[in-house]
Amino acid sequence: MTWRWRYENADGGEVTGGVLQGDTFSNQADAESWLGENWRELLESGVERVTLLEDDRPEYEGMSLRPE
């Protein structure tokens, strides 16, 4: 199993390139830890929401990076 983030803009379209992390993670905890450390930079680069994928299956979808 591999885990990766899909980065999305406000309309739900996928955002790619630039400083975005394209790596995969060996487990969910590592992927979530990485996001916890980097969400501000993602938001500054135009990412509004993220989806965590296990292989190609969404674990959870459309999680906003904006504070409530």
PDB file of N, CA and C in Angstrom:
ATOM      1  N   MET A   1       0.830  -1.177   0.000  1.00  0.00           N
ATOM      2  CA  MET A   1       0.000   0.000   0.000  1.00  0.00           C
ATOM      3  C   MET A   1       0.879   1.247   0.000  1.00  0.00           C
ATOM      4  N   THR A   2       0.464   2.224  -0.765  1.00  0.00           N
ATOM      5  CA  THR A   2       1.114   3.529  -0.728  1.00  0.00           C
ATOM      6  C   THR A   2       0.054   4.592  -0.483  1.00  0.00           C
ATOM      7  N   TRP A   3       0.485   5.647   0.138  1.00  0.00           N
ATOM      8  CA  TRP A   3      -0.384   6.765   0.471  1.00  0.00           C
ATOM      9  C   TRP A   3       0.174   8.012  -0.207  1.00  0.00           C
ATOM     10  N   ARG A   4      -0.727   8.872  -0.680  1.00  0.00           N
ATOM     11  CA  ARG A   4      -0.301  10.133  -1.285  1.00  0.00           C
ATOM     12  C   ARG A   4      -1.423  11.152  -1.156  1.00  0.00           C
ATOM     13  N   TRP A   5      -1.045  12.405  -1.289  1.00  0.00           N
ATOM     14  CA  TRP A   5      -2.013  13.499  -1.244  1.00  0.00           C
ATOM     15  C   TRP A   5      -2.369  13.942  -2.647  1.00  0.00           C
ATOM     16  N   ARG A   6      -3.644  14.209  -2.862  1.00  0.00           N
ATOM     17  CA  ARG A   6      -4.088  14.900  -4.077  1.00  0.00           C
ATOM     18  C   ARG A   6      -4.431  16.316  -3.631  1.00  0.00           C
ATOM     19  N   TYR A   7      -3.884  17.311  -4.320  1.00  0.00           N
ATOM     20  CA  TYR A   7      -4.050  18.714  -3.970  1.00  0.00           C
ATOM     21  C   TYR A   7      -5.120  19.325  -4.860  1.00  0.00           C
ATOM     22  N   GLU A   8      -6.020  20.102  -4.272  1.00  0.00           N
ATOM     23  CA  GLU A   8      -7.164  20.631  -5.006  1.00  0.00           C
ATOM     24  C   GLU A   8      -7.305  22.131  -4.785  1.00  0.00           C
ATOM     25  N   ASN A   9      -7.788  22.825  -5.832  1.00  0.00           N
ATOM     26  CA  ASN A   9      -8.103  24.240  -5.689  1.00  0.00           C
ATOM     27  C   ASN A   9      -9.524  24.381  -5.135  1.00  0.00           C
ATOM     28  N   ALA A  10     -10.010  25.598  -5.028  1.00  0.00           N
ATOM     29  CA  ALA A  10     -11.328  25.843  -4.437  1.00  0.00           C
ATOM     30  C   ALA A  10     -12.456  25.187  -5.228  1.00  0.00           C
ATOM     31  N   ASP A  11     -12.258  24.976  -6.526  1.00  0.00           N
ATOM     32  CA  ASP A  11     -13.279  24.345  -7.368  1.00  0.00           C
ATOM     33  C   ASP A  11     -13.183  22.827  -7.396  1.00  0.00           C
ATOM     34  N   GLY A  12     -12.202  22.267  -6.692  1.00  0.00           N
ATOM     35  CA  GLY A  12     -12.032  20.828  -6.670  1.00  0.00           C
ATOM     36  C   GLY A  12     -11.114  20.298  -7.755  1.00  0.00           C
ATOM     37  N   GLY A  13     -10.566  21.199  -8.582  1.00  0.00           N
ATOM     38  CA  GLY A  13      -9.623  20.780  -9.620  1.00  0.00           C
ATOM     39  C   GLY A  13      -8.269  20.458  -9.014  1.00  0.00           C
ATOM     40  N   GLU A  14      -7.581  19.522  -9.617  1.00  0.00           N
ATOM     41  CA  GLU A  14      -6.283  19.114  -9.094  1.00  0.00           C
ATOM     42  C   GLU A  14      -5.223  20.169  -9.374  1.00  0.00           C
ATOM     43  N   VAL A  15      -4.397  20.437  -8.361  1.00  0.00           N
ATOM     44  CA  VAL A  15      -3.284  21.380  -8.460  1.00  0.00           C
ATOM     45  C   VAL A  15      -2.001  20.557  -8.490  1.00  0.00           C
ATOM     46  N   THR A  16      -1.118  20.851  -9.431  1.00  0.00           N
ATOM     47  CA  THR A  16       0.141  20.118  -9.546  1.00  0.00           C
ATOM     48  C   THR A  16       1.283  21.091  -9.752  1.00  0.00           C
ATOM     49  N   GLY A  17       2.506  20.582  -9.639  1.00  0.00           N
ATOM     50  CA  GLY A  17       3.705  21.353  -9.943  1.00  0.00           C
ATOM     51  C   GLY A  17       4.184  22.206  -8.788  1.00  0.00           C
ATOM     52  N   GLY A  18       5.194  23.002  -9.066  1.00  0.00           N
ATOM     53  CA  GLY A  18       5.752  23.908  -8.072  1.00  0.00           C
ATOM     54  C   GLY A  18       6.325  23.178  -6.872  1.00  0.00           C
ATOM     55  N   VAL A  19       5.978  23.640  -5.699  1.00  0.00           N
ATOM     56  CA  VAL A  19       6.537  23.109  -4.453  1.00  0.00           C
ATOM     57  C   VAL A  19       5.748  21.923  -3.901  1.00  0.00           C
ATOM     58  N   LEU A  20       4.778  21.444  -4.642  1.00  0.00           N
ATOM     59  CA  LEU A  20       3.900  20.395  -4.123  1.00  0.00           C
ATOM     60  C   LEU A  20       4.609  19.065  -3.981  1.00  0.00           C
ATOM     61  N   GLN A  21       4.354  18.406  -2.877  1.00  0.00           N
ATOM     62  CA  GLN A  21       4.941  17.105  -2.561  1.00  0.00           C
ATOM     63  C   GLN A  21       4.321  16.036  -3.449  1.00  0.00           C
ATOM     64  N   GLY A  22       5.114  15.424  -4.301  1.00  0.00           N
ATOM     65  CA  GLY A  22       4.614  14.378  -5.168  1.00  0.00           C
ATOM     66  C   GLY A  22       4.955  12.989  -4.668  1.00  0.00           C
ATOM     67  N   ASP A  23       5.639  12.917  -3.541  1.00  0.00           N
ATOM     68  CA  ASP A  23       6.083  11.632  -3.013  1.00  0.00           C
ATOM     69  C   ASP A  23       4.926  10.818  -2.457  1.00  0.00           C
ATOM     70  N   THR A  24       5.200   9.545  -2.338  1.00  0.00           N
ATOM     71  CA  THR A  24       4.261   8.663  -1.667  1.00  0.00           C
ATOM     72  C   THR A  24       4.803   8.344  -0.284  1.00  0.00           C
ATOM     73  N   PHE A  25       3.930   7.886   0.567  1.00  0.00           N
ATOM     74  CA  PHE A  25       4.279   7.546   1.936  1.00  0.00           C
ATOM     75  C   PHE A  25       3.953   6.079   2.166  1.00  0.00           C
ATOM     76  N   SER A  26       4.685   5.459   3.060  1.00  0.00           N
ATOM     77  CA  SER A  26       4.481   4.035   3.302  1.00  0.00           C
ATOM     78  C   SER A  26       3.312   3.755   4.247  1.00  0.00           C
ATOM     79  N   ASN A  27       2.854   4.784   4.953  1.00  0.00           N
ATOM     80  CA  ASN A  27       1.704   4.580   5.848  1.00  0.00           C
ATOM     81  C   ASN A  27       0.939   5.887   6.031  1.00  0.00           C
ATOM     82  N   GLN A  28      -0.270   5.756   6.521  1.00  0.00           N
ATOM     83  CA  GLN A  28      -1.155   6.893   6.689  1.00  0.00           C
ATOM     84  C   GLN A  28      -0.596   7.901   7.698  1.00  0.00           C
ATOM     85  N   ALA A  29      -0.012   7.431   8.777  1.00  0.00           N
ATOM     86  CA  ALA A  29       0.509   8.329   9.813  1.00  0.00           C
ATOM     87  C   ALA A  29       1.602   9.245   9.262  1.00  0.00           C
ATOM     88  N   ASP A  30       2.495   8.713   8.435  1.00  0.00           N
ATOM     89  CA  ASP A  30       3.551   9.540   7.851  1.00  0.00           C
ATOM     90  C   ASP A  30       2.963  10.604   6.920  1.00  0.00           C
ATOM     91  N   ALA A  31       1.974  10.222   6.134  1.00  0.00           N
ATOM     92  CA  ALA A  31       1.327  11.177   5.234  1.00  0.00           C
ATOM     93  C   ALA A  31       0.640  12.286   6.034  1.00  0.00           C
ATOM     94  N   GLU A  32      -0.056  11.924   7.089  1.00  0.00           N
ATOM     95  CA  GLU A  32      -0.754  12.916   7.907  1.00  0.00           C
ATOM     96  C   GLU A  32       0.233  13.815   8.657  1.00  0.00           C
ATOM     97  N   SER A  33       1.326  13.259   9.136  1.00  0.00           N
ATOM     98  CA  SER A  33       2.343  14.069   9.809  1.00  0.00           C
ATOM     99  C   SER A  33       2.947  15.086   8.856  1.00  0.00           C
ATOM    100  N   TRP A  34       3.236  14.637   7.631  1.00  0.00           N
ATOM    101  CA  TRP A  34       3.794  15.546   6.632  1.00  0.00           C
ATOM    102  C   TRP A  34       2.834  16.704   6.374  1.00  0.00           C
ATOM    103  N   LEU A  35       1.552  16.406   6.235  1.00  0.00           N
ATOM    104  CA  LEU A  35       0.573  17.456   5.982  1.00  0.00           C
ATOM    105  C   LEU A  35       0.502  18.423   7.158  1.00  0.00           C
ATOM    106  N   GLY A  36       0.538  17.893   8.374  1.00  0.00           N
ATOM    107  CA  GLY A  36       0.494  18.742   9.556  1.00  0.00           C
ATOM    108  C   GLY A  36       1.652  19.720   9.626  1.00  0.00           C
ATOM    109  N   GLU A  37       2.781  19.353   9.063  1.00  0.00           N
ATOM    110  CA  GLU A  37       3.961  20.214   9.065  1.00  0.00           C
ATOM    111  C   GLU A  37       3.998  21.178   7.879  1.00  0.00           C
ATOM    112  N   ASN A  38       3.213  20.903   6.830  1.00  0.00           N
ATOM    113  CA  ASN A  38       3.354  21.657   5.581  1.00  0.00           C
ATOM    114  C   ASN A  38       2.083  22.308   5.053  1.00  0.00           C
ATOM    115  N   TRP A  39       0.983  22.250   5.781  1.00  0.00           N
ATOM    116  CA  TRP A  39      -0.288  22.742   5.239  1.00  0.00           C
ATOM    117  C   TRP A  39      -0.253  24.234   4.930  1.00  0.00           C
ATOM    118  N   ARG A  40       0.474  25.018   5.699  1.00  0.00           N
ATOM    119  CA  ARG A  40       0.517  26.468   5.443  1.00  0.00           C
ATOM    120  C   ARG A  40       1.178  26.767   4.096  1.00  0.00           C
ATOM    121  N   GLU A  41       2.264  26.080   3.813  1.00  0.00           N
ATOM    122  CA  GLU A  41       2.947  26.279   2.534  1.00  0.00           C
ATOM    123  C   GLU A  41       2.064  25.839   1.362  1.00  0.00           C
ATOM    124  N   LEU A  42       1.320  24.769   1.560  1.00  0.00           N
ATOM    125  CA  LEU A  42       0.398  24.319   0.515  1.00  0.00           C
ATOM    126  C   LEU A  42      -0.665  25.373   0.257  1.00  0.00           C
ATOM    127  N   LEU A  43      -1.232  25.913   1.316  1.00  0.00           N
ATOM    128  CA  LEU A  43      -2.260  26.937   1.187  1.00  0.00           C
ATOM    129  C   LEU A  43      -1.709  28.161   0.450  1.00  0.00           C
ATOM    130  N   GLU A  44      -0.497  28.557   0.775  1.00  0.00           N
ATOM    131  CA  GLU A  44       0.139  29.698   0.100  1.00  0.00           C
ATOM    132  C   GLU A  44       0.405  29.434  -1.380  1.00  0.00           C
ATOM    133  N   SER A  45       0.527  28.165  -1.753  1.00  0.00           N
ATOM    134  CA  SER A  45       0.797  27.832  -3.157  1.00  0.00           C
ATOM    135  C   SER A  45      -0.473  27.575  -3.962  1.00  0.00           C
ATOM    136  N   GLY A  46      -1.637  27.855  -3.373  1.00  0.00           N
ATOM    137  CA  GLY A  46      -2.893  27.744  -4.114  1.00  0.00           C
ATOM    138  C   GLY A  46      -3.728  26.514  -3.819  1.00  0.00           C
ATOM    139  N   VAL A  47      -3.278  25.670  -2.916  1.00  0.00           N
ATOM    140  CA  VAL A  47      -4.050  24.477  -2.553  1.00  0.00           C
ATOM    141  C   VAL A  47      -5.064  24.879  -1.482  1.00  0.00           C
ATOM    142  N   GLU A  48      -6.334  24.555  -1.723  1.00  0.00           N
ATOM    143  CA  GLU A  48      -7.394  24.854  -0.764  1.00  0.00           C
ATOM    144  C   GLU A  48      -7.846  23.616   0.004  1.00  0.00           C
ATOM    145  N   ARG A  49      -7.814  22.464  -0.681  1.00  0.00           N
ATOM    146  CA  ARG A  49      -8.280  21.214  -0.072  1.00  0.00           C
ATOM    147  C   ARG A  49      -7.350  20.091  -0.476  1.00  0.00           C
ATOM    148  N   VAL A  50      -7.361  19.027   0.313  1.00  0.00           N
ATOM    149  CA  VAL A  50      -6.560  17.850  -0.005  1.00  0.00           C
ATOM    150  C   VAL A  50      -7.402  16.595   0.161  1.00  0.00           C
ATOM    151  N   THR A  51      -7.011  15.575  -0.571  1.00  0.00           N
ATOM    152  CA  THR A  51      -7.606  14.251  -0.446  1.00  0.00           C
ATOM    153  C   THR A  51      -6.477  13.262  -0.208  1.00  0.00           C
ATOM    154  N   LEU A  52      -6.620  12.432   0.804  1.00  0.00           N
ATOM    155  CA  LEU A  52      -5.632  11.392   1.075  1.00  0.00           C
ATOM    156  C   LEU A  52      -6.049  10.122   0.348  1.00  0.00           C
ATOM    157  N   LEU A  53      -5.127   9.609  -0.462  1.00  0.00           N
ATOM    158  CA  LEU A  53      -5.393   8.401  -1.249  1.00  0.00           C
ATOM    159  C   LEU A  53      -4.541   7.244  -0.755  1.00  0.00           C
ATOM    160  N   GLU A  54      -5.179   6.105  -0.567  1.00  0.00           N
ATOM    161  CA  GLU A  54      -4.474   4.843  -0.315  1.00  0.00           C
ATOM    162  C   GLU A  54      -4.502   4.101  -1.633  1.00  0.00           C
ATOM    163  N   ASP A  55      -3.335   3.966  -2.254  1.00  0.00           N
ATOM    164  CA  ASP A  55      -3.251   3.556  -3.647  1.00  0.00           C
ATOM    165  C   ASP A  55      -4.109   4.557  -4.428  1.00  0.00           C
ATOM    166  N   ASP A  56      -5.221   4.168  -5.019  1.00  0.00           N
ATOM    167  CA  ASP A  56      -6.092   5.138  -5.697  1.00  0.00           C
ATOM    168  C   ASP A  56      -7.434   5.303  -5.007  1.00  0.00           C
ATOM    169  N   ARG A  57      -7.583   4.725  -3.817  1.00  0.00           N
ATOM    170  CA  ARG A  57      -8.844   4.805  -3.075  1.00  0.00           C
ATOM    171  C   ARG A  57      -8.793   5.965  -2.088  1.00  0.00           C
ATOM    172  N   PRO A  58      -9.768   6.894  -2.159  1.00  0.00           N
ATOM    173  CA  PRO A  58      -9.784   7.996  -1.206  1.00  0.00           C
ATOM    174  C   PRO A  58     -10.042   7.502   0.218  1.00  0.00           C
ATOM    175  N   GLU A  59      -9.187   7.896   1.128  1.00  0.00           N
ATOM    176  CA  GLU A  59      -9.394   7.612   2.550  1.00  0.00           C
ATOM    177  C   GLU A  59     -10.322   8.675   3.135  1.00  0.00           C
ATOM    178  N   TYR A  60     -10.043   9.909   2.841  1.00  0.00           N
ATOM    179  CA  TYR A  60     -10.979  11.003   3.086  1.00  0.00           C
ATOM    180  C   TYR A  60     -10.753  12.058   2.025  1.00  0.00           C
ATOM    181  N   GLU A  61     -11.849  12.752   1.679  1.00  0.00           N
ATOM    182  CA  GLU A  61     -11.827  13.622   0.511  1.00  0.00           C
ATOM    183  C   GLU A  61     -12.128  15.066   0.874  1.00  0.00           C
ATOM    184  N   GLY A  62     -11.499  15.968   0.126  1.00  0.00           N
ATOM    185  CA  GLY A  62     -11.847  17.371   0.175  1.00  0.00           C
ATOM    186  C   GLY A  62     -11.659  18.045   1.531  1.00  0.00           C
ATOM    187  N   MET A  63     -10.615  17.665   2.256  1.00  0.00           N
ATOM    188  CA  MET A  63     -10.366  18.277   3.552  1.00  0.00           C
ATOM    189  C   MET A  63      -9.788  19.675   3.350  1.00  0.00           C
ATOM    190  N   SER A  64     -10.457  20.677   3.886  1.00  0.00           N
ATOM    191  CA  SER A  64     -10.025  22.046   3.736  1.00  0.00           C
ATOM    192  C   SER A  64      -8.741  22.305   4.525  1.00  0.00           C
ATOM    193  N   LEU A  65      -7.880  23.143   3.957  1.00  0.00           N
ATOM    194  CA  LEU A  65      -6.676  23.573   4.654  1.00  0.00           C
ATOM    195  C   LEU A  65      -6.902  24.870   5.419  1.00  0.00           C
ATOM    196  N   ARG A  66      -8.045  25.486   5.227  1.00  0.00           N
ATOM    197  CA  ARG A  66      -8.371  26.745   5.916  1.00  0.00           C
ATOM    198  C   ARG A  66      -8.845  26.467   7.332  1.00  0.00           C
ATOM    199  N   PRO A  67      -8.337  27.255   8.280  1.00  0.00           N
ATOM    200  CA  PRO A  67      -8.836  27.118   9.657  1.00  0.00           C
ATOM    201  C   PRO A  67     -10.337  27.444   9.706  1.00  0.00           C
ATOM    202  N   GLU A  68     -11.031  26.823  10.602  1.00  0.00           N
ATOM    203  CA  GLU A  68     -12.482  27.064  10.708  1.00  0.00           C
ATOM    204  C   GLU A  68     -12.763  28.425  11.268  1.00  0.00           C
TER     205      GLU A  68
END
